[in-house]
Amino acid sequence: MTVASRAFGRVSSGLIMIAAGANAVGTIVVLVLVLVLNADVVARGVFNDPFRGVYEVVQFSMVLIVFLQLPDVVRNDKLTRSDGLHAVLIQKHPGLVNVIGRVIDLAAATIMVLVAVAMWPEFVDAWQTDHFFGTPGIFTAPWWPVRLVIVLSAILCALIWTAKALTGRRVLQRDAFEPGPG
């Protein structure tokens, strides 16, 4: 194993750990959201007194969940897609399918870089001006955490897609940069 492949392997392991950690945090947010929604239902039904701000918490949480879990979904190649053409081409032209997959991965990485670049000024503005969402007096929360998660998730997805394009593997694994079958 070369020095470069060991270095890329460490980067790959780091990306995997960060993506899995973000996914775990996203799962915790889902569980907290379920608890909040169930408590709100009980409060509405039993006490006729719903929790204030549940709608805003759900809005806030949905964006967090999507962008926290997206990098691990990308890493595991679990995005929803149509693979009819892939199934037809893989039989006769596996090399072409590999090239097409790498091009798509690079295009996806580029799009995620654009998302990060577009969201960065939004994050900075929200951080500096204390932008809040919600209904004053009922529930408000700052926008900057959501925008920061979007930026970091987009960067992580771009790095994962780039690593997948470099290795030609559909699933990024710890040994992604070692020689072997794709």
C-alpha atoms as a PDB file:
ATOM      1  CA  MET A   1       0.000   0.000   0.000  1.00  0.00           C
ATOM      2  CA  THR A   2       1.417   3.377  -0.977  1.00  0.00           C
ATOM      3  CA  VAL A   3       1.667   6.434   1.221  1.00  0.00           C
ATOM      4  CA  ALA A   4      -1.006   8.134  -0.893  1.00  0.00           C
ATOM      5  CA  SER A   5      -3.447   5.234  -0.554  1.00  0.00           C
ATOM      6  CA  ARG A   6      -2.893   5.169   3.231  1.00  0.00           C
ATOM      7  CA  ALA A   7      -3.525   8.913   3.417  1.00  0.00           C
ATOM      8  CA  PHE A   8      -6.652   8.637   1.287  1.00  0.00           C
ATOM      9  CA  GLY A   9      -7.725   5.684   3.425  1.00  0.00           C
ATOM     10  CA  ARG A  10      -7.485   7.842   6.551  1.00  0.00           C
ATOM     11  CA  VAL A  11      -9.492  10.575   4.856  1.00  0.00           C
ATOM     12  CA  SER A  12     -12.062   7.985   3.804  1.00  0.00           C
ATOM     13  CA  SER A  13     -12.285   6.663   7.380  1.00  0.00           C
ATOM     14  CA  GLY A  14     -12.729  10.202   8.669  1.00  0.00           C
ATOM     15  CA  LEU A  15     -15.509  10.909   6.180  1.00  0.00           C
ATOM     16  CA  ILE A  16     -17.235   7.670   7.163  1.00  0.00           C
ATOM     17  CA  MET A  17     -17.031   8.462  10.879  1.00  0.00           C
ATOM     18  CA  ILE A  18     -18.334  12.002  10.420  1.00  0.00           C
ATOM     19  CA  ALA A  19     -21.182  10.835   8.137  1.00  0.00           C
ATOM     20  CA  ALA A  20     -22.170   8.072  10.565  1.00  0.00           C
ATOM     21  CA  GLY A  21     -22.020  10.505  13.498  1.00  0.00           C
ATOM     22  CA  ALA A  22     -24.196  13.040  11.680  1.00  0.00           C
ATOM     23  CA  ASN A  23     -26.627  10.253  10.830  1.00  0.00           C
ATOM     24  CA  ALA A  24     -26.790   9.268  14.511  1.00  0.00           C
ATOM     25  CA  VAL A  25     -27.475  12.878  15.518  1.00  0.00           C
ATOM     26  CA  GLY A  26     -30.206  13.029  12.853  1.00  0.00           C
ATOM     27  CA  THR A  27     -31.745   9.883  14.313  1.00  0.00           C
ATOM     28  CA  ILE A  28     -31.732  11.435  17.780  1.00  0.00           C
ATOM     29  CA  VAL A  29     -33.480  14.514  16.352  1.00  0.00           C
ATOM     30  CA  VAL A  30     -36.141  12.184  14.868  1.00  0.00           C
ATOM     31  CA  LEU A  31     -36.661  10.527  18.255  1.00  0.00           C
ATOM     32  CA  VAL A  32     -36.921  13.881  20.041  1.00  0.00           C
ATOM     33  CA  LEU A  33     -39.376  15.063  17.386  1.00  0.00           C
ATOM     34  CA  VAL A  34     -41.522  11.944  17.930  1.00  0.00           C
ATOM     35  CA  LEU A  35     -41.543  12.614  21.680  1.00  0.00           C
ATOM     36  CA  VAL A  36     -42.491  16.276  21.167  1.00  0.00           C
ATOM     37  CA  LEU A  37     -45.289  15.395  18.744  1.00  0.00           C
ATOM     38  CA  ASN A  38     -46.671  12.676  21.031  1.00  0.00           C
ATOM     39  CA  ALA A  39     -46.552  14.971  24.042  1.00  0.00           C
ATOM     40  CA  ASP A  40     -48.368  17.634  22.004  1.00  0.00           C
ATOM     41  CA  VAL A  41     -51.076  15.148  21.006  1.00  0.00           C
ATOM     42  CA  VAL A  42     -51.574  14.162  24.656  1.00  0.00           C
ATOM     43  CA  ALA A  43     -51.589  17.801  25.763  1.00  0.00           C
ATOM     44  CA  ARG A  44     -54.201  18.620  23.107  1.00  0.00           C
ATOM     45  CA  GLY A  45     -56.403  15.602  23.809  1.00  0.00           C
ATOM     46  CA  VAL A  46     -56.215  15.365  27.589  1.00  0.00           C
ATOM     47  CA  PHE A  47     -55.669  18.959  28.704  1.00  0.00           C
ATOM     48  CA  ASN A  48     -56.999  20.843  25.662  1.00  0.00           C
ATOM     49  CA  ASP A  49     -53.768  22.836  25.827  1.00  0.00           C
ATOM     50  CA  PRO A  50     -51.352  22.188  22.945  1.00  0.00           C
ATOM     51  CA  PHE A  51     -47.665  22.993  23.204  1.00  0.00           C
ATOM     52  CA  ARG A  52     -46.760  26.292  21.674  1.00  0.00           C
ATOM     53  CA  GLY A  53     -44.304  26.224  18.807  1.00  0.00           C
ATOM     54  CA  VAL A  54     -44.667  22.582  17.781  1.00  0.00           C
ATOM     55  CA  TYR A  55     -45.222  23.619  14.160  1.00  0.00           C
ATOM     56  CA  GLU A  56     -41.996  25.636  14.194  1.00  0.00           C
ATOM     57  CA  VAL A  57     -40.070  22.816  15.889  1.00  0.00           C
ATOM     58  CA  VAL A  58     -41.239  20.408  13.182  1.00  0.00           C
ATOM     59  CA  GLN A  59     -40.144  22.821  10.421  1.00  0.00           C
ATOM     60  CA  PHE A  60     -36.756  23.336  12.049  1.00  0.00           C
ATOM     61  CA  SER A  61     -36.277  19.629  12.706  1.00  0.00           C
ATOM     62  CA  MET A  62     -37.155  18.433   9.208  1.00  0.00           C
ATOM     63  CA  VAL A  63     -34.357  20.430   7.586  1.00  0.00           C
ATOM     64  CA  LEU A  64     -31.916  19.298  10.278  1.00  0.00           C
ATOM     65  CA  ILE A  65     -32.888  15.640   9.841  1.00  0.00           C
ATOM     66  CA  VAL A  66     -32.517  15.694   6.052  1.00  0.00           C
ATOM     67  CA  PHE A  67     -29.140  17.377   6.041  1.00  0.00           C
ATOM     68  CA  LEU A  68     -27.760  15.457   9.023  1.00  0.00           C
ATOM     69  CA  GLN A  69     -28.608  12.104   7.431  1.00  0.00           C
ATOM     70  CA  LEU A  70     -27.829  12.945   3.794  1.00  0.00           C
ATOM     71  CA  PRO A  71     -24.032  12.322   3.938  1.00  0.00           C
ATOM     72  CA  ASP A  72     -24.463   8.765   5.238  1.00  0.00           C
ATOM     73  CA  VAL A  73     -27.150   8.091   2.635  1.00  0.00           C
ATOM     74  CA  VAL A  74     -24.711   9.286  -0.048  1.00  0.00           C
ATOM     75  CA  ARG A  75     -21.899   7.195   1.412  1.00  0.00           C
ATOM     76  CA  ASN A  76     -24.027   4.043   1.374  1.00  0.00           C
ATOM     77  CA  ASP A  77     -25.413   4.743  -2.118  1.00  0.00           C
ATOM     78  CA  LYS A  78     -29.013   4.706  -0.851  1.00  0.00           C
ATOM     79  CA  LEU A  79     -30.416   7.723  -2.688  1.00  0.00           C
ATOM     80  CA  THR A  80     -33.600   6.953  -4.588  1.00  0.00           C
ATOM     81  CA  ARG A  81     -32.991   6.646  -8.316  1.00  0.00           C
ATOM     82  CA  SER A  82     -34.075   4.854 -11.441  1.00  0.00           C
ATOM     83  CA  ASP A  83     -31.556   2.192 -12.388  1.00  0.00           C
ATOM     84  CA  GLY A  84     -33.218   0.714 -15.469  1.00  0.00           C
ATOM     85  CA  LEU A  85     -30.547   1.968 -17.868  1.00  0.00           C
ATOM     86  CA  HIS A  86     -27.860   0.874 -15.419  1.00  0.00           C
ATOM     87  CA  ALA A  87     -29.264  -2.671 -15.314  1.00  0.00           C
ATOM     88  CA  VAL A  88     -29.288  -2.895 -19.109  1.00  0.00           C
ATOM     89  CA  LEU A  89     -25.808  -1.429 -19.632  1.00  0.00           C
ATOM     90  CA  ILE A  90     -23.996  -3.277 -16.838  1.00  0.00           C
ATOM     91  CA  GLN A  91     -24.368  -6.595 -18.651  1.00  0.00           C
ATOM     92  CA  LYS A  92     -22.639  -5.551 -21.868  1.00  0.00           C
ATOM     93  CA  HIS A  93     -20.659  -2.435 -20.940  1.00  0.00           C
ATOM     94  CA  PRO A  94     -19.538  -2.514 -17.283  1.00  0.00           C
ATOM     95  CA  GLY A  95     -16.668  -0.110 -18.007  1.00  0.00           C
ATOM     96  CA  LEU A  96     -19.054   2.444 -19.472  1.00  0.00           C
ATOM     97  CA  VAL A  97     -21.330   2.108 -16.440  1.00  0.00           C
ATOM     98  CA  ASN A  98     -18.318   2.747 -14.185  1.00  0.00           C
ATOM     99  CA  VAL A  99     -17.391   5.900 -16.142  1.00  0.00           C
ATOM    100  CA  ILE A 100     -20.981   7.142 -16.117  1.00  0.00           C
ATOM    101  CA  GLY A 101     -21.162   6.535 -12.353  1.00  0.00           C
ATOM    102  CA  ARG A 102     -17.968   8.496 -11.785  1.00  0.00           C
ATOM    103  CA  VAL A 103     -19.195  11.399 -13.920  1.00  0.00           C
ATOM    104  CA  ILE A 104     -22.493  11.459 -12.020  1.00  0.00           C
ATOM    105  CA  ASP A 105     -20.601  11.406  -8.709  1.00  0.00           C
ATOM    106  CA  LEU A 106     -18.457  14.364  -9.813  1.00  0.00           C
ATOM    107  CA  ALA A 107     -21.549  16.249 -11.001  1.00  0.00           C
ATOM    108  CA  ALA A 108     -23.256  15.594  -7.656  1.00  0.00           C
ATOM    109  CA  ALA A 109     -20.136  16.750  -5.798  1.00  0.00           C
ATOM    110  CA  THR A 110     -20.107  19.938  -7.871  1.00  0.00           C
ATOM    111  CA  ILE A 111     -23.767  20.615  -7.096  1.00  0.00           C
ATOM    112  CA  MET A 112     -23.131  20.148  -3.381  1.00  0.00           C
ATOM    113  CA  VAL A 113     -20.198  22.564  -3.534  1.00  0.00           C
ATOM    114  CA  LEU A 114     -22.547  25.080  -5.159  1.00  0.00           C
ATOM    115  CA  VAL A 115     -25.088  24.498  -2.382  1.00  0.00           C
ATOM    116  CA  ALA A 116     -22.394  25.119   0.252  1.00  0.00           C
ATOM    117  CA  VAL A 117     -21.158  28.243  -1.526  1.00  0.00           C
ATOM    118  CA  ALA A 118     -24.713  29.569  -1.893  1.00  0.00           C
ATOM    119  CA  MET A 119     -25.607  28.858   1.745  1.00  0.00           C
ATOM    120  CA  TRP A 120     -22.425  30.244   3.302  1.00  0.00           C
ATOM    121  CA  PRO A 121     -23.469  33.932   3.003  1.00  0.00           C
ATOM    122  CA  GLU A 122     -26.910  32.974   4.339  1.00  0.00           C
ATOM    123  CA  PHE A 123     -25.267  31.365   7.374  1.00  0.00           C
ATOM    124  CA  VAL A 124     -22.952  34.335   7.957  1.00  0.00           C
ATOM    125  CA  ASP A 125     -25.876  36.782   7.672  1.00  0.00           C
ATOM    126  CA  ALA A 126     -28.003  34.730  10.085  1.00  0.00           C
ATOM    127  CA  TRP A 127     -25.090  34.501  12.530  1.00  0.00           C
ATOM    128  CA  GLN A 128     -24.272  38.213  12.428  1.00  0.00           C
ATOM    129  CA  THR A 129     -27.806  39.585  12.463  1.00  0.00           C
ATOM    130  CA  ASP A 130     -29.466  37.059  14.776  1.00  0.00           C
ATOM    131  CA  HIS A 131     -32.191  36.101  12.294  1.00  0.00           C
ATOM    132  CA  PHE A 132     -34.925  34.124  13.978  1.00  0.00           C
ATOM    133  CA  PHE A 133     -37.895  32.193  12.666  1.00  0.00           C
ATOM    134  CA  GLY A 134     -41.175  31.417  14.341  1.00  0.00           C
ATOM    135  CA  THR A 135     -43.855  33.507  15.945  1.00  0.00           C
ATOM    136  CA  PRO A 136     -42.623  36.072  18.496  1.00  0.00           C
ATOM    137  CA  GLY A 137     -44.176  35.420  21.877  1.00  0.00           C
ATOM    138  CA  ILE A 138     -44.954  31.818  20.996  1.00  0.00           C
ATOM    139  CA  PHE A 139     -41.751  30.221  19.751  1.00  0.00           C
ATOM    140  CA  THR A 140     -38.653  31.558  18.025  1.00  0.00           C
ATOM    141  CA  ALA A 141     -35.319  29.952  17.184  1.00  0.00           C
ATOM    142  CA  PRO A 142     -32.215  31.207  15.399  1.00  0.00           C
ATOM    143  CA  TRP A 143     -31.728  30.305  11.743  1.00  0.00           C
ATOM    144  CA  TRP A 144     -27.948  29.966  11.891  1.00  0.00           C
ATOM    145  CA  PRO A 145     -27.779  26.364  13.233  1.00  0.00           C
ATOM    146  CA  VAL A 146     -29.904  25.065  10.353  1.00  0.00           C
ATOM    147  CA  ARG A 147     -27.900  26.990   7.777  1.00  0.00           C
ATOM    148  CA  LEU A 148     -24.622  25.794   9.289  1.00  0.00           C
ATOM    149  CA  VAL A 149     -25.810  22.169   9.115  1.00  0.00           C
ATOM    150  CA  ILE A 150     -26.746  22.679   5.448  1.00  0.00           C
ATOM    151  CA  VAL A 151     -23.292  24.096   4.637  1.00  0.00           C
ATOM    152  CA  LEU A 152     -21.401  21.375   6.515  1.00  0.00           C
ATOM    153  CA  SER A 153     -23.596  18.602   5.105  1.00  0.00           C
ATOM    154  CA  ALA A 154     -23.131  19.879   1.553  1.00  0.00           C
ATOM    155  CA  ILE A 155     -19.354  19.979   2.024  1.00  0.00           C
ATOM    156  CA  LEU A 156     -19.327  16.468   3.486  1.00  0.00           C
ATOM    157  CA  CYS A 157     -21.515  15.136   0.653  1.00  0.00           C
ATOM    158  CA  ALA A 158     -19.222  16.772  -1.908  1.00  0.00           C
ATOM    159  CA  LEU A 159     -16.180  15.126  -0.310  1.00  0.00           C
ATOM    160  CA  ILE A 160     -17.893  11.727  -0.194  1.00  0.00           C
ATOM    161  CA  TRP A 161     -19.018  11.933  -3.827  1.00  0.00           C
ATOM    162  CA  THR A 162     -15.512  13.009  -4.840  1.00  0.00           C
ATOM    163  CA  ALA A 163     -14.007  10.037  -2.988  1.00  0.00           C
ATOM    164  CA  LYS A 164     -16.523   7.719  -4.648  1.00  0.00           C
ATOM    165  CA  ALA A 165     -15.645   9.169  -8.059  1.00  0.00           C
ATOM    166  CA  LEU A 166     -11.923   8.680  -7.405  1.00  0.00           C
ATOM    167  CA  THR A 167     -12.338   5.081  -6.266  1.00  0.00           C
ATOM    168  CA  GLY A 168     -15.114   4.041  -8.628  1.00  0.00           C
ATOM    169  CA  ARG A 169     -16.914   2.353  -5.738  1.00  0.00           C
ATOM    170  CA  ARG A 170     -20.635   2.812  -5.196  1.00  0.00           C
ATOM    171  CA  VAL A 171     -20.319   2.555  -1.407  1.00  0.00           C
ATOM    172  CA  LEU A 172     -17.523   4.433   0.363  1.00  0.00           C
ATOM    173  CA  GLN A 173     -15.823   2.021   2.766  1.00  0.00           C
ATOM    174  CA  ARG A 174     -12.827   2.258   5.066  1.00  0.00           C
ATOM    175  CA  ASP A 175     -10.667   0.408   2.533  1.00  0.00           C
ATOM    176  CA  ALA A 176     -11.892   2.535  -0.392  1.00  0.00           C
ATOM    177  CA  PHE A 177      -8.413   3.526  -1.532  1.00  0.00           C
ATOM    178  CA  GLU A 178      -6.839   0.079  -1.287  1.00  0.00           C
ATOM    179  CA  PRO A 179      -6.461  -1.939  -4.483  1.00  0.00           C
ATOM    180  CA  GLY A 180      -9.292  -4.372  -5.050  1.00  0.00           C
ATOM    181  CA  PRO A 181     -12.616  -4.877  -6.784  1.00  0.00           C
ATOM    182  CA  GLY A 182     -14.954  -1.886  -7.068  1.00  0.00           C
END
